[in-house]
PDB file of N, CA and C in Angstrom:
ATOM      1  N   UNK A   1       3.235  23.559-124.435  1.00  0.00           N
ATOM      2  CA  UNK A   1       4.150  24.667-124.201  1.00  0.00           C
ATOM      3  C   UNK A   1       4.533  25.360-125.598  1.00  0.00           C
ATOM      4  N   UNK A   2       4.645  26.561-125.597  1.00  0.00           N
ATOM      5  CA  UNK A   2       5.022  27.232-126.833  1.00  0.00           C
ATOM      6  C   UNK A   2       6.476  26.933-127.306  1.00  0.00           C
ATOM      7  N   UNK A   3       6.654  26.845-128.650  1.00  0.00           N
ATOM      8  CA  UNK A   3       7.945  26.631-129.105  1.00  0.00           C
ATOM      9  C   UNK A   3       8.702  27.928-129.493  1.00  0.00           C
ATOM     10  N   UNK A   4       7.821  28.985-129.826  1.00  0.00           N
ATOM     11  CA  UNK A   4       8.422  30.273-130.147  1.00  0.00           C
ATOM     12  C   UNK A   4       7.919  31.274-129.148  1.00  0.00           C
ATOM     13  N   UNK A   5       8.813  32.185-128.704  1.00  0.00           N
ATOM     14  CA  UNK A   5       8.375  33.309-127.859  1.00  0.00           C
ATOM     15  C   UNK A   5       9.458  34.386-127.884  1.00  0.00           C
ATOM     16  N   UNK A   6       9.118  35.546-127.198  1.00  0.00           N
ATOM     17  CA  UNK A   6       9.935  36.679-127.151  1.00  0.00           C
ATOM     18  C   UNK A   6      10.465  36.739-125.757  1.00  0.00           C
ATOM     19  N   UNK A   7      11.728  36.712-125.407  1.00  0.00           N
ATOM     20  CA  UNK A   7      12.362  36.661-124.189  1.00  0.00           C
ATOM     21  C   UNK A   7      12.066  37.943-123.435  1.00  0.00           C
ATOM     22  N   UNK A   8      12.278  39.054-124.146  1.00  0.00           N
ATOM     23  CA  UNK A   8      12.032  40.345-123.525  1.00  0.00           C
ATOM     24  C   UNK A   8      10.668  40.601-122.955  1.00  0.00           C
ATOM     25  N   UNK A   9       9.665  40.224-123.902  1.00  0.00           N
ATOM     26  CA  UNK A   9       8.244  40.265-123.375  1.00  0.00           C
ATOM     27  C   UNK A   9       7.979  39.352-122.300  1.00  0.00           C
ATOM     28  N   UNK A  10       8.591  38.131-122.193  1.00  0.00           N
ATOM     29  CA  UNK A  10       8.339  37.223-121.143  1.00  0.00           C
ATOM     30  C   UNK A  10       8.951  37.816-119.814  1.00  0.00           C
ATOM     31  N   UNK A  11      10.067  38.346-119.886  1.00  0.00           N
ATOM     32  CA  UNK A  11      10.695  38.971-118.738  1.00  0.00           C
ATOM     33  C   UNK A  11       9.817  40.129-118.167  1.00  0.00           C
ATOM     34  N   UNK A  12       9.192  40.925-119.051  1.00  0.00           N
ATOM     35  CA  UNK A  12       8.289  41.915-118.606  1.00  0.00           C
ATOM     36  C   UNK A  12       7.039  41.422-117.773  1.00  0.00           C
ATOM     37  N   UNK A  13       6.792  40.120-118.016  1.00  0.00           N
ATOM     38  CA  UNK A  13       5.598  39.628-117.333  1.00  0.00           C
ATOM     39  C   UNK A  13       5.896  39.114-115.922  1.00  0.00           C
ATOM     40  N   UNK A  14       7.290  39.092-115.507  1.00  0.00           N
ATOM     41  CA  UNK A  14       7.710  38.659-114.183  1.00  0.00           C
ATOM     42  C   UNK A  14       7.707  39.736-113.304  1.00  0.00           C
ATOM     43  N   UNK A  15       7.000  39.657-112.159  1.00  0.00           N
ATOM     44  CA  UNK A  15       6.898  40.829-111.216  1.00  0.00           C
ATOM     45  C   UNK A  15       7.509  40.461-109.740  1.00  0.00           C
ATOM     46  N   UNK A  16       8.130  39.205-109.712  1.00  0.00           N
ATOM     47  CA  UNK A  16       8.760  38.912-108.443  1.00  0.00           C
ATOM     48  C   UNK A  16      10.184  38.452-108.618  1.00  0.00           C
ATOM     49  N   UNK A  17      11.091  38.854-107.768  1.00  0.00           N
ATOM     50  CA  UNK A  17      12.485  38.418-107.957  1.00  0.00           C
ATOM     51  C   UNK A  17      12.630  37.004-107.430  1.00  0.00           C
ATOM     52  N   UNK A  18      13.538  36.213-107.962  1.00  0.00           N
ATOM     53  CA  UNK A  18      13.858  34.872-107.544  1.00  0.00           C
ATOM     54  C   UNK A  18      12.610  33.892-107.807  1.00  0.00           C
ATOM     55  N   UNK A  19      11.802  34.225-108.708  1.00  0.00           N
ATOM     56  CA  UNK A  19      10.666  33.459-109.050  1.00  0.00           C
ATOM     57  C   UNK A  19      10.775  32.904-110.516  1.00  0.00           C
ATOM     58  N   UNK A  20      11.606  31.843-110.741  1.00  0.00           N
ATOM     59  CA  UNK A  20      11.718  31.392-111.994  1.00  0.00           C
ATOM     60  C   UNK A  20      10.427  30.944-112.825  1.00  0.00           C
ATOM     61  N   UNK A  21      10.351  31.239-114.062  1.00  0.00           N
ATOM     62  CA  UNK A  21       9.249  30.818-114.926  1.00  0.00           C
ATOM     63  C   UNK A  21       9.790  29.922-116.081  1.00  0.00           C
ATOM     64  N   UNK A  22       9.121  28.731-116.121  1.00  0.00           N
ATOM     65  CA  UNK A  22       9.444  27.778-117.314  1.00  0.00           C
ATOM     66  C   UNK A  22       8.941  28.403-118.616  1.00  0.00           C
ATOM     67  N   UNK A  23       9.833  28.609-119.500  1.00  0.00           N
ATOM     68  CA  UNK A  23       9.359  29.107-120.854  1.00  0.00           C
ATOM     69  C   UNK A  23       9.380  28.000-121.998  1.00  0.00           C
ATOM     70  N   UNK A  24      10.157  26.957-121.741  1.00  0.00           N
ATOM     71  CA  UNK A  24      10.281  25.951-122.836  1.00  0.00           C
ATOM     72  C   UNK A  24      10.843  24.650-122.160  1.00  0.00           C
ATOM     73  N   UNK A  25      10.568  23.546-122.993  1.00  0.00           N
ATOM     74  CA  UNK A  25      11.181  22.268-122.627  1.00  0.00           C
ATOM     75  C   UNK A  25      12.086  21.866-123.734  1.00  0.00           C
ATOM     76  N   UNK A  26      13.186  21.354-123.385  1.00  0.00           N
ATOM     77  CA  UNK A  26      14.114  20.738-124.417  1.00  0.00           C
ATOM     78  C   UNK A  26      14.618  19.398-123.931  1.00  0.00           C
ATOM     79  N   UNK A  27      14.095  18.326-124.465  1.00  0.00           N
ATOM     80  CA  UNK A  27      14.407  16.996-123.999  1.00  0.00           C
ATOM     81  C   UNK A  27      14.012  16.911-122.529  1.00  0.00           C
ATOM     82  N   UNK A  28      14.974  16.630-121.768  1.00  0.00           N
ATOM     83  CA  UNK A  28      14.706  16.357-120.228  1.00  0.00           C
ATOM     84  C   UNK A  28      15.014  17.701-119.474  1.00  0.00           C
ATOM     85  N   UNK A  29      15.150  18.756-120.161  1.00  0.00           N
ATOM     86  CA  UNK A  29      15.518  20.013-119.551  1.00  0.00           C
ATOM     87  C   UNK A  29      14.392  21.041-119.501  1.00  0.00           C
ATOM     88  N   UNK A  30      14.345  21.958-118.601  1.00  0.00           N
ATOM     89  CA  UNK A  30      13.539  23.190-118.673  1.00  0.00           C
ATOM     90  C   UNK A  30      14.421  24.270-119.007  1.00  0.00           C
ATOM     91  N   UNK A  31      13.904  25.232-119.738  1.00  0.00           N
ATOM     92  CA  UNK A  31      14.534  26.561-120.029  1.00  0.00           C
ATOM     93  C   UNK A  31      13.662  27.545-119.113  1.00  0.00           C
ATOM     94  N   UNK A  32      14.276  28.295-118.181  1.00  0.00           N
ATOM     95  CA  UNK A  32      13.602  29.139-117.232  1.00  0.00           C
ATOM     96  C   UNK A  32      14.175  30.472-117.447  1.00  0.00           C
ATOM     97  N   UNK A  33      13.365  31.478-117.045  1.00  0.00           N
ATOM     98  CA  UNK A  33      13.867  32.785-116.910  1.00  0.00           C
ATOM     99  C   UNK A  33      13.459  33.333-115.516  1.00  0.00           C
ATOM    100  N   UNK A  34      14.291  34.208-114.931  1.00  0.00           N
ATOM    101  CA  UNK A  34      14.101  34.856-113.674  1.00  0.00           C
ATOM    102  C   UNK A  34      14.642  36.138-113.582  1.00  0.00           C
ATOM    103  N   UNK A  35      14.146  37.054-112.712  1.00  0.00           N
ATOM    104  CA  UNK A  35      14.705  38.244-112.437  1.00  0.00           C
ATOM    105  C   UNK A  35      15.440  38.122-111.080  1.00  0.00           C
ATOM    106  N   UNK A  36      16.672  38.525-110.998  1.00  0.00           N
ATOM    107  CA  UNK A  36      17.481  38.498-109.674  1.00  0.00           C
ATOM    108  C   UNK A  36      17.566  39.942-109.240  1.00  0.00           C
ATOM    109  N   UNK A  37      17.445  40.003-107.986  1.00  0.00           N
ATOM    110  CA  UNK A  37      17.772  41.251-107.191  1.00  0.00           C
ATOM    111  C   UNK A  37      17.867  40.911-105.689  1.00  0.00           C
ATOM    112  N   UNK A  38      18.985  41.338-105.085  1.00  0.00           N
ATOM    113  CA  UNK A  38      19.123  40.888-103.679  1.00  0.00           C
ATOM    114  C   UNK A  38      19.866  39.556-103.696  1.00  0.00           C
ATOM    115  N   UNK A  39      19.536  38.722-102.760  1.00  0.00           N
ATOM    116  CA  UNK A  39      20.180  37.471-102.720  1.00  0.00           C
ATOM    117  C   UNK A  39      19.204  36.338-102.358  1.00  0.00           C
ATOM    118  N   UNK A  40      19.596  35.109-102.713  1.00  0.00           N
ATOM    119  CA  UNK A  40      18.870  33.940-102.474  1.00  0.00           C
ATOM    120  C   UNK A  40      19.662  33.086-101.513  1.00  0.00           C
ATOM    121  N   UNK A  41      19.107  32.094-100.831  1.00  0.00           N
ATOM    122  CA  UNK A  41      19.776  31.232 -99.903  1.00  0.00           C
ATOM    123  C   UNK A  41      20.853  30.422-100.536  1.00  0.00           C
ATOM    124  N   UNK A  42      21.889  30.053 -99.700  1.00  0.00           N
ATOM    125  CA  UNK A  42      22.831  29.070-100.121  1.00  0.00           C
ATOM    126  C   UNK A  42      22.080  27.791-100.396  1.00  0.00           C
ATOM    127  N   UNK A  43      22.370  27.141-101.453  1.00  0.00           N
ATOM    128  CA  UNK A  43      21.707  25.770-101.664  1.00  0.00           C
ATOM    129  C   UNK A  43      22.686  24.941-102.614  1.00  0.00           C
ATOM    130  N   UNK A  44      22.223  23.646-102.718  1.00  0.00           N
ATOM    131  CA  UNK A  44      22.902  22.755-103.499  1.00  0.00           C
ATOM    132  C   UNK A  44      21.892  21.946-104.342  1.00  0.00           C
ATOM    133  N   UNK A  45      22.260  21.633-105.659  1.00  0.00           N
ATOM    134  CA  UNK A  45      21.402  20.679-106.410  1.00  0.00           C
ATOM    135  C   UNK A  45      22.337  19.409-106.423  1.00  0.00           C
ATOM    136  N   UNK A  46      21.930  18.435-105.636  1.00  0.00           N
ATOM    137  CA  UNK A  46      22.765  17.191-105.469  1.00  0.00           C
ATOM    138  C   UNK A  46      23.050  16.405-106.696  1.00  0.00           C
ATOM    139  N   UNK A  47      22.034  16.401-107.605  1.00  0.00           N
ATOM    140  CA  UNK A  47      22.099  15.481-108.721  1.00  0.00           C
ATOM    141  C   UNK A  47      21.990  16.160-110.190  1.00  0.00           C
ATOM    142  N   UNK A  48      21.939  17.455-110.081  1.00  0.00           N
ATOM    143  CA  UNK A  48      21.697  18.227-111.436  1.00  0.00           C
ATOM    144  C   UNK A  48      22.674  19.408-111.500  1.00  0.00           C
ATOM    145  N   UNK A  49      23.169  19.562-112.777  1.00  0.00           N
ATOM    146  CA  UNK A  49      23.920  20.760-113.027  1.00  0.00           C
ATOM    147  C   UNK A  49      22.899  21.936-113.368  1.00  0.00           C
ATOM    148  N   UNK A  50      23.322  23.220-113.177  1.00  0.00           N
ATOM    149  CA  UNK A  50      22.458  24.273-113.455  1.00  0.00           C
ATOM    150  C   UNK A  50      23.266  25.385-114.191  1.00  0.00           C
ATOM    151  N   UNK A  51      22.714  25.791-115.388  1.00  0.00           N
ATOM    152  CA  UNK A  51      23.334  26.760-116.154  1.00  0.00           C
ATOM    153  C   UNK A  51      22.629  28.193-116.002  1.00  0.00           C
ATOM    154  N   UNK A  52      23.463  29.178-115.817  1.00  0.00           N
ATOM    155  CA  UNK A  52      22.945  30.622-115.689  1.00  0.00           C
ATOM    156  C   UNK A  52      23.592  31.358-116.928  1.00  0.00           C
ATOM    157  N   UNK A  53      22.580  31.981-117.648  1.00  0.00           N
ATOM    158  CA  UNK A  53      23.019  32.960-118.793  1.00  0.00           C
ATOM    159  C   UNK A  53      22.393  34.250-118.594  1.00  0.00           C
ATOM    160  N   UNK A  54      23.299  35.215-118.431  1.00  0.00           N
ATOM    161  CA  UNK A  54      22.791  36.628-118.215  1.00  0.00           C
ATOM    162  C   UNK A  54      22.338  37.362-119.366  1.00  0.00           C
ATOM    163  N   UNK A  55      21.069  37.681-119.450  1.00  0.00           N
ATOM    164  CA  UNK A  55      20.458  38.325-120.577  1.00  0.00           C
ATOM    165  C   UNK A  55      20.607  39.887-120.396  1.00  0.00           C
ATOM    166  N   UNK A  56      20.467  40.390-119.230  1.00  0.00           N
ATOM    167  CA  UNK A  56      20.513  41.833-118.993  1.00  0.00           C
ATOM    168  C   UNK A  56      21.077  42.012-117.546  1.00  0.00           C
ATOM    169  N   UNK A  57      22.009  42.910-117.326  1.00  0.00           N
ATOM    170  CA  UNK A  57      22.503  43.252-115.956  1.00  0.00           C
ATOM    171  C   UNK A  57      23.805  42.463-115.704  1.00  0.00           C
ATOM    172  N   UNK A  58      23.939  42.258-114.350  1.00  0.00           N
ATOM    173  CA  UNK A  58      25.000  41.322-113.901  1.00  0.00           C
ATOM    174  C   UNK A  58      24.674  40.850-112.470  1.00  0.00           C
ATOM    175  N   UNK A  59      25.395  39.798-112.051  1.00  0.00           N
ATOM    176  CA  UNK A  59      25.230  39.352-110.701  1.00  0.00           C
ATOM    177  C   UNK A  59      26.537  38.558-110.284  1.00  0.00           C
ATOM    178  N   UNK A  60      26.656  38.426-109.046  1.00  0.00           N
ATOM    179  CA  UNK A  60      27.743  37.633-108.381  1.00  0.00           C
ATOM    180  C   UNK A  60      27.227  36.226-108.079  1.00  0.00           C
ATOM    181  N   UNK A  61      27.958  35.196-108.489  1.00  0.00           N
ATOM    182  CA  UNK A  61      27.675  33.912-108.121  1.00  0.00           C
ATOM    183  C   UNK A  61      28.668  33.455-107.078  1.00  0.00           C
ATOM    184  N   UNK A  62      28.066  33.249-105.861  1.00  0.00           N
ATOM    185  CA  UNK A  62      28.979  32.899-104.742  1.00  0.00           C
ATOM    186  C   UNK A  62      29.053  31.431-104.569  1.00  0.00           C
ATOM    187  N   UNK A  63      30.248  30.897-104.713  1.00  0.00           N
ATOM    188  CA  UNK A  63      30.560  29.523-104.475  1.00  0.00           C
ATOM    189  C   UNK A  63      31.295  29.406-103.109  1.00  0.00           C
ATOM    190  N   UNK A  64      31.426  28.161-102.630  1.00  0.00           N
ATOM    191  CA  UNK A  64      32.111  28.062-101.331  1.00  0.00           C
ATOM    192  C   UNK A  64      33.435  28.708-101.297  1.00  0.00           C
ATOM    193  N   UNK A  65      34.238  28.729-102.334  1.00  0.00           N
ATOM    194  CA  UNK A  65      35.645  29.147-102.265  1.00  0.00           C
ATOM    195  C   UNK A  65      35.906  30.240-103.216  1.00  0.00           C
ATOM    196  N   UNK A  66      34.946  30.890-103.885  1.00  0.00           N
ATOM    197  CA  UNK A  66      35.169  31.967-104.741  1.00  0.00           C
ATOM    198  C   UNK A  66      33.916  32.689-105.194  1.00  0.00           C
ATOM    199  N   UNK A  67      33.963  33.947-105.710  1.00  0.00           N
ATOM    200  CA  UNK A  67      32.854  34.641-106.234  1.00  0.00           C
ATOM    201  C   UNK A  67      33.148  34.921-107.698  1.00  0.00           C
ATOM    202  N   UNK A  68      32.061  34.556-108.579  1.00  0.00           N
ATOM    203  CA  UNK A  68      32.241  34.758-109.950  1.00  0.00           C
ATOM    204  C   UNK A  68      31.276  35.797-110.425  1.00  0.00           C
ATOM    205  N   UNK A  69      31.707  36.912-111.051  1.00  0.00           N
ATOM    206  CA  UNK A  69      30.857  37.924-111.577  1.00  0.00           C
ATOM    207  C   UNK A  69      30.460  37.605-112.840  1.00  0.00           C
ATOM    208  N   UNK A  70      29.138  37.569-113.215  1.00  0.00           N
ATOM    209  CA  UNK A  70      28.727  37.251-114.546  1.00  0.00           C
ATOM    210  C   UNK A  70      27.991  38.460-115.015  1.00  0.00           C
ATOM    211  N   UNK A  71      28.430  38.954-116.238  1.00  0.00           N
ATOM    212  CA  UNK A  71      27.880  40.148-116.952  1.00  0.00           C
ATOM    213  C   UNK A  71      27.042  39.708-118.058  1.00  0.00           C
ATOM    214  N   UNK A  72      26.325  40.761-118.586  1.00  0.00           N
ATOM    215  CA  UNK A  72      25.420  40.501-119.746  1.00  0.00           C
ATOM    216  C   UNK A  72      26.159  39.703-120.852  1.00  0.00           C
ATOM    217  N   UNK A  73      25.524  38.547-121.306  1.00  0.00           N
ATOM    218  CA  UNK A  73      26.140  37.773-122.276  1.00  0.00           C
ATOM    219  C   UNK A  73      27.004  36.598-121.713  1.00  0.00           C
ATOM    220  N   UNK A  74      27.339  36.616-120.417  1.00  0.00           N
ATOM    221  CA  UNK A  74      28.082  35.541-119.781  1.00  0.00           C
ATOM    222  C   UNK A  74      27.212  34.385-119.413  1.00  0.00           C
ATOM    223  N   UNK A  75      27.750  33.165-119.261  1.00  0.00           N
ATOM    224  CA  UNK A  75      27.140  32.000-118.735  1.00  0.00           C
ATOM    225  C   UNK A  75      28.066  31.417-117.801  1.00  0.00           C
ATOM    226  N   UNK A  76      27.426  30.492-116.935  1.00  0.00           N
ATOM    227  CA  UNK A  76      28.278  29.772-116.064  1.00  0.00           C
ATOM    228  C   UNK A  76      27.447  28.456-115.723  1.00  0.00           C
ATOM    229  N   UNK A  77      28.110  27.320-115.673  1.00  0.00           N
ATOM    230  CA  UNK A  77      27.424  26.096-115.177  1.00  0.00           C
ATOM    231  C   UNK A  77      27.955  25.774-113.838  1.00  0.00           C
ATOM    232  N   UNK A  78      26.938  25.655-112.922  1.00  0.00           N
ATOM    233  CA  UNK A  78      27.245  25.158-111.584  1.00  0.00           C
ATOM    234  C   UNK A  78      27.057  23.605-111.558  1.00  0.00           C
ATOM    235  N   UNK A  79      28.143  22.932-111.470  1.00  0.00           N
ATOM    236  CA  UNK A  79      28.034  21.422-111.497  1.00  0.00           C
ATOM    237  C   UNK A  79      27.245  20.923-110.272  1.00  0.00           C
ATOM    238  N   UNK A  80      26.757  19.788-110.400  1.00  0.00           N
ATOM    239  CA  UNK A  80      25.891  19.207-109.363  1.00  0.00           C
ATOM    240  C   UNK A  80      26.785  19.027-108.029  1.00  0.00           C
ATOM    241  N   UNK A  81      26.195  19.184-106.934  1.00  0.00           N
ATOM    242  CA  UNK A  81      26.849  19.067-105.652  1.00  0.00           C
ATOM    243  C   UNK A  81      27.625  20.311-105.183  1.00  0.00           C
ATOM    244  N   UNK A  82      27.585  21.360-106.000  1.00  0.00           N
ATOM    245  CA  UNK A  82      28.309  22.446-105.614  1.00  0.00           C
ATOM    246  C   UNK A  82      27.384  23.572-104.905  1.00  0.00           C
ATOM    247  N   UNK A  83      27.738  23.818-103.695  1.00  0.00           N
ATOM    248  CA  UNK A  83      26.955  24.887-102.896  1.00  0.00           C
ATOM    249  C   UNK A  83      27.071  26.198-103.510  1.00  0.00           C
ATOM    250  N   UNK A  84      25.975  26.980-103.799  1.00  0.00           N
ATOM    251  CA  UNK A  84      26.081  28.255-104.430  1.00  0.00           C
ATOM    252  C   UNK A  84      24.943  29.234-103.957  1.00  0.00           C
ATOM    253  N   UNK A  85      25.168  30.453-104.301  1.00  0.00           N
ATOM    254  CA  UNK A  85      24.188  31.543-103.918  1.00  0.00           C
ATOM    255  C   UNK A  85      24.326  32.735-104.784  1.00  0.00           C
ATOM    256  N   UNK A  86      23.454  33.000-105.744  1.00  0.00           N
ATOM    257  CA  UNK A  86      23.500  34.141-106.544  1.00  0.00           C
ATOM    258  C   UNK A  86      23.046  35.370-105.778  1.00  0.00           C
ATOM    259  N   UNK A  87      23.754  36.497-106.171  1.00  0.00           N
ATOM    260  CA  UNK A  87      23.482  37.794-105.473  1.00  0.00           C
ATOM    261  C   UNK A  87      23.551  38.919-106.532  1.00  0.00           C
ATOM    262  N   UNK A  88      22.460  39.795-106.634  1.00  0.00           N
ATOM    263  CA  UNK A  88      22.446  40.856-107.609  1.00  0.00           C
ATOM    264  C   UNK A  88      22.147  42.207-106.899  1.00  0.00           C
ATOM    265  N   UNK A  89      23.101  43.118-107.097  1.00  0.00           N
ATOM    266  CA  UNK A  89      22.842  44.495-106.517  1.00  0.00           C
ATOM    267  C   UNK A  89      21.696  45.133-107.164  1.00  0.00           C
ATOM    268  N   UNK A  90      21.586  45.147-108.475  1.00  0.00           N
ATOM    269  CA  UNK A  90      20.520  45.692-109.267  1.00  0.00           C
ATOM    270  C   UNK A  90      19.762  44.548-109.991  1.00  0.00           C
ATOM    271  N   UNK A  91      18.608  44.877-110.572  1.00  0.00           N
ATOM    272  CA  UNK A  91      17.827  43.913-111.290  1.00  0.00           C
ATOM    273  C   UNK A  91      18.631  43.364-112.385  1.00  0.00           C
ATOM    274  N   UNK A  92      18.655  41.972-112.490  1.00  0.00           N
ATOM    275  CA  UNK A  92      19.329  41.160-113.522  1.00  0.00           C
ATOM    276  C   UNK A  92      18.345  40.245-114.137  1.00  0.00           C
ATOM    277  N   UNK A  93      18.391  40.052-115.452  1.00  0.00           N
ATOM    278  CA  UNK A  93      17.565  39.078-116.092  1.00  0.00           C
ATOM    279  C   UNK A  93      18.489  37.816-116.500  1.00  0.00           C
ATOM    280  N   UNK A  94      17.990  36.642-116.011  1.00  0.00           N
ATOM    281  CA  UNK A  94      18.822  35.481-116.267  1.00  0.00           C
ATOM    282  C   UNK A  94      17.997  34.354-116.825  1.00  0.00           C
ATOM    283  N   UNK A  95      18.571  33.646-117.857  1.00  0.00           N
ATOM    284  CA  UNK A  95      18.022  32.379-118.283  1.00  0.00           C
ATOM    285  C   UNK A  95      18.690  31.308-117.593  1.00  0.00           C
ATOM    286  N   UNK A  96      17.928  30.241-117.201  1.00  0.00           N
ATOM    287  CA  UNK A  96      18.495  29.065-116.574  1.00  0.00           C
ATOM    288  C   UNK A  96      18.091  27.723-117.403  1.00  0.00           C
ATOM    289  N   UNK A  97      19.095  26.847-117.491  1.00  0.00           N
ATOM    290  CA  UNK A  97      18.838  25.619-118.122  1.00  0.00           C
ATOM    291  C   UNK A  97      19.119  24.586-117.085  1.00  0.00           C
ATOM    292  N   UNK A  98      18.181  23.760-116.741  1.00  0.00           N
ATOM    293  CA  UNK A  98      18.362  22.693-115.741  1.00  0.00           C
ATOM    294  C   UNK A  98      17.337  21.557-115.945  1.00  0.00           C
ATOM    295  N   UNK A  99      17.681  20.389-115.389  1.00  0.00           N
ATOM    296  CA  UNK A  99      16.900  19.260-115.453  1.00  0.00           C
ATOM    297  C   UNK A  99      15.475  19.496-114.933  1.00  0.00           C
ATOM    298  N   UNK A 100      14.505  18.850-115.479  1.00  0.00           N
ATOM    299  CA  UNK A 100      13.106  19.076-115.071  1.00  0.00           C
ATOM    300  C   UNK A 100      12.818  18.877-113.529  1.00  0.00           C
ATOM    301  N   UNK A 101      13.572  18.014-112.981  1.00  0.00           N
ATOM    302  CA  UNK A 101      13.352  17.604-111.546  1.00  0.00           C
ATOM    303  C   UNK A 101      14.158  18.572-110.657  1.00  0.00           C
ATOM    304  N   UNK A 102      14.984  19.510-111.166  1.00  0.00           N
ATOM    305  CA  UNK A 102      15.766  20.382-110.265  1.00  0.00           C
ATOM    306  C   UNK A 102      14.817  21.288-109.419  1.00  0.00           C
ATOM    307  N   UNK A 103      15.127  21.146-108.111  1.00  0.00           N
ATOM    308  CA  UNK A 103      14.331  22.021-107.159  1.00  0.00           C
ATOM    309  C   UNK A 103      14.920  23.382-107.109  1.00  0.00           C
ATOM    310  N   UNK A 104      14.055  24.332-107.057  1.00  0.00           N
ATOM    311  CA  UNK A 104      14.480  25.774-106.909  1.00  0.00           C
ATOM    312  C   UNK A 104      15.622  26.154-106.045  1.00  0.00           C
ATOM    313  N   UNK A 105      15.522  25.719-104.815  1.00  0.00           N
ATOM    314  CA  UNK A 105      16.552  25.951-103.813  1.00  0.00           C
ATOM    315  C   UNK A 105      16.990  24.716-103.137  1.00  0.00           C
ATOM    316  N   UNK A 106      17.049  23.681-103.923  1.00  0.00           N
ATOM    317  CA  UNK A 106      17.471  22.381-103.488  1.00  0.00           C
ATOM    318  C   UNK A 106      16.695  21.878-102.334  1.00  0.00           C
ATOM    319  N   UNK A 107      17.302  21.362-101.234  1.00  0.00           N
ATOM    320  CA  UNK A 107      16.577  20.933-100.095  1.00  0.00           C
ATOM    321  C   UNK A 107      16.180  21.967 -99.136  1.00  0.00           C
ATOM    322  N   UNK A 108      16.756  23.185 -99.392  1.00  0.00           N
ATOM    323  CA  UNK A 108      16.423  24.367 -98.486  1.00  0.00           C
ATOM    324  C   UNK A 108      15.115  24.988 -98.956  1.00  0.00           C
ATOM    325  N   UNK A 109      14.235  25.080 -97.987  1.00  0.00           N
ATOM    326  CA  UNK A 109      12.930  25.593 -98.216  1.00  0.00           C
ATOM    327  C   UNK A 109      12.743  27.011 -97.480  1.00  0.00           C
ATOM    328  N   UNK A 110      12.383  28.037 -98.234  1.00  0.00           N
ATOM    329  CA  UNK A 110      12.208  29.335 -97.650  1.00  0.00           C
ATOM    330  C   UNK A 110      10.868  29.912 -98.267  1.00  0.00           C
ATOM    331  N   UNK A 111      10.549  31.119 -97.801  1.00  0.00           N
ATOM    332  CA  UNK A 111       9.252  31.767 -98.208  1.00  0.00           C
ATOM    333  C   UNK A 111       9.419  32.101 -99.721  1.00  0.00           C
ATOM    334  N   UNK A 112      10.581  32.117-100.391  1.00  0.00           N
ATOM    335  CA  UNK A 112      10.633  32.445-101.742  1.00  0.00           C
ATOM    336  C   UNK A 112      10.858  31.257-102.668  1.00  0.00           C
ATOM    337  N   UNK A 113      10.941  30.026-101.988  1.00  0.00           N
ATOM    338  CA  UNK A 113      11.135  28.756-102.787  1.00  0.00           C
ATOM    339  C   UNK A 113       9.861  28.537-103.620  1.00  0.00           C
ATOM    340  N   UNK A 114      10.034  28.121-104.935  1.00  0.00           N
ATOM    341  CA  UNK A 114       9.034  27.939-105.875  1.00  0.00           C
ATOM    342  C   UNK A 114       8.985  26.445-106.285  1.00  0.00           C
ATOM    343  N   UNK A 115       7.881  25.806-106.212  1.00  0.00           N
ATOM    344  CA  UNK A 115       7.735  24.490-106.683  1.00  0.00           C
ATOM    345  C   UNK A 115       7.797  24.487-108.217  1.00  0.00           C
ATOM    346  N   UNK A 116       8.135  23.289-108.749  1.00  0.00           N
ATOM    347  CA  UNK A 116       8.090  23.214-110.229  1.00  0.00           C
ATOM    348  C   UNK A 116       6.652  23.545-110.794  1.00  0.00           C
ATOM    349  N   UNK A 117       5.604  23.268-110.100  1.00  0.00           N
ATOM    350  CA  UNK A 117       4.256  23.575-110.536  1.00  0.00           C
ATOM    351  C   UNK A 117       4.027  25.075-110.574  1.00  0.00           C
ATOM    352  N   UNK A 118       4.642  25.752-109.592  1.00  0.00           N
ATOM    353  CA  UNK A 118       4.585  27.237-109.534  1.00  0.00           C
ATOM    354  C   UNK A 118       5.277  27.866-110.714  1.00  0.00           C
ATOM    355  N   UNK A 119       6.433  27.203-111.024  1.00  0.00           N
ATOM    356  CA  UNK A 119       7.380  27.719-112.163  1.00  0.00           C
ATOM    357  C   UNK A 119       6.670  27.481-113.493  1.00  0.00           C
ATOM    358  N   UNK A 120       5.792  26.557-113.597  1.00  0.00           N
ATOM    359  CA  UNK A 120       5.130  26.200-114.868  1.00  0.00           C
ATOM    360  C   UNK A 120       3.909  27.192-115.131  1.00  0.00           C
ATOM    361  N   UNK A 121       3.539  27.908-114.200  1.00  0.00           N
ATOM    362  CA  UNK A 121       2.275  28.765-114.326  1.00  0.00           C
ATOM    363  C   UNK A 121       2.608  30.024-115.170  1.00  0.00           C
TER     364      UNK A 121
END
C-alpha cells in the first residue's frame, strides 16, 4: 500500500456514496476516505472507535440523543458501542480512521454495506 498520495485525487476516483476506500495503514488502523450523500443505516461498532474528519462539505452525525453537525475541518470520534448514523444533504468528503477489523455498518447488513476486501480495492 502506498505511503504517499494525494487525497483530492483519490476522492475524484470514488464514484459511489457510502463506499469507503482504504488509502493507508497506520499500525492497527486503516485510513479510509468516503463520499457521503444522503443517509446510511443506524449502526454500532461494538468494539472499535471511529473517527470522522471532514475534508470538504458538511454532514450531520446522528447519535441516539443528539445531532452533531460537522463542517469542513471538523472531526469527531464516535466511541465504541455508540449507535450512530451520518447524513449529508450535499456531497461531503470524509476521512475515517478506524481499526482494521471495523465493519462498515457494524452487524447491520444492507445493499450498500462494503466488506473490508471491497474497501481495499
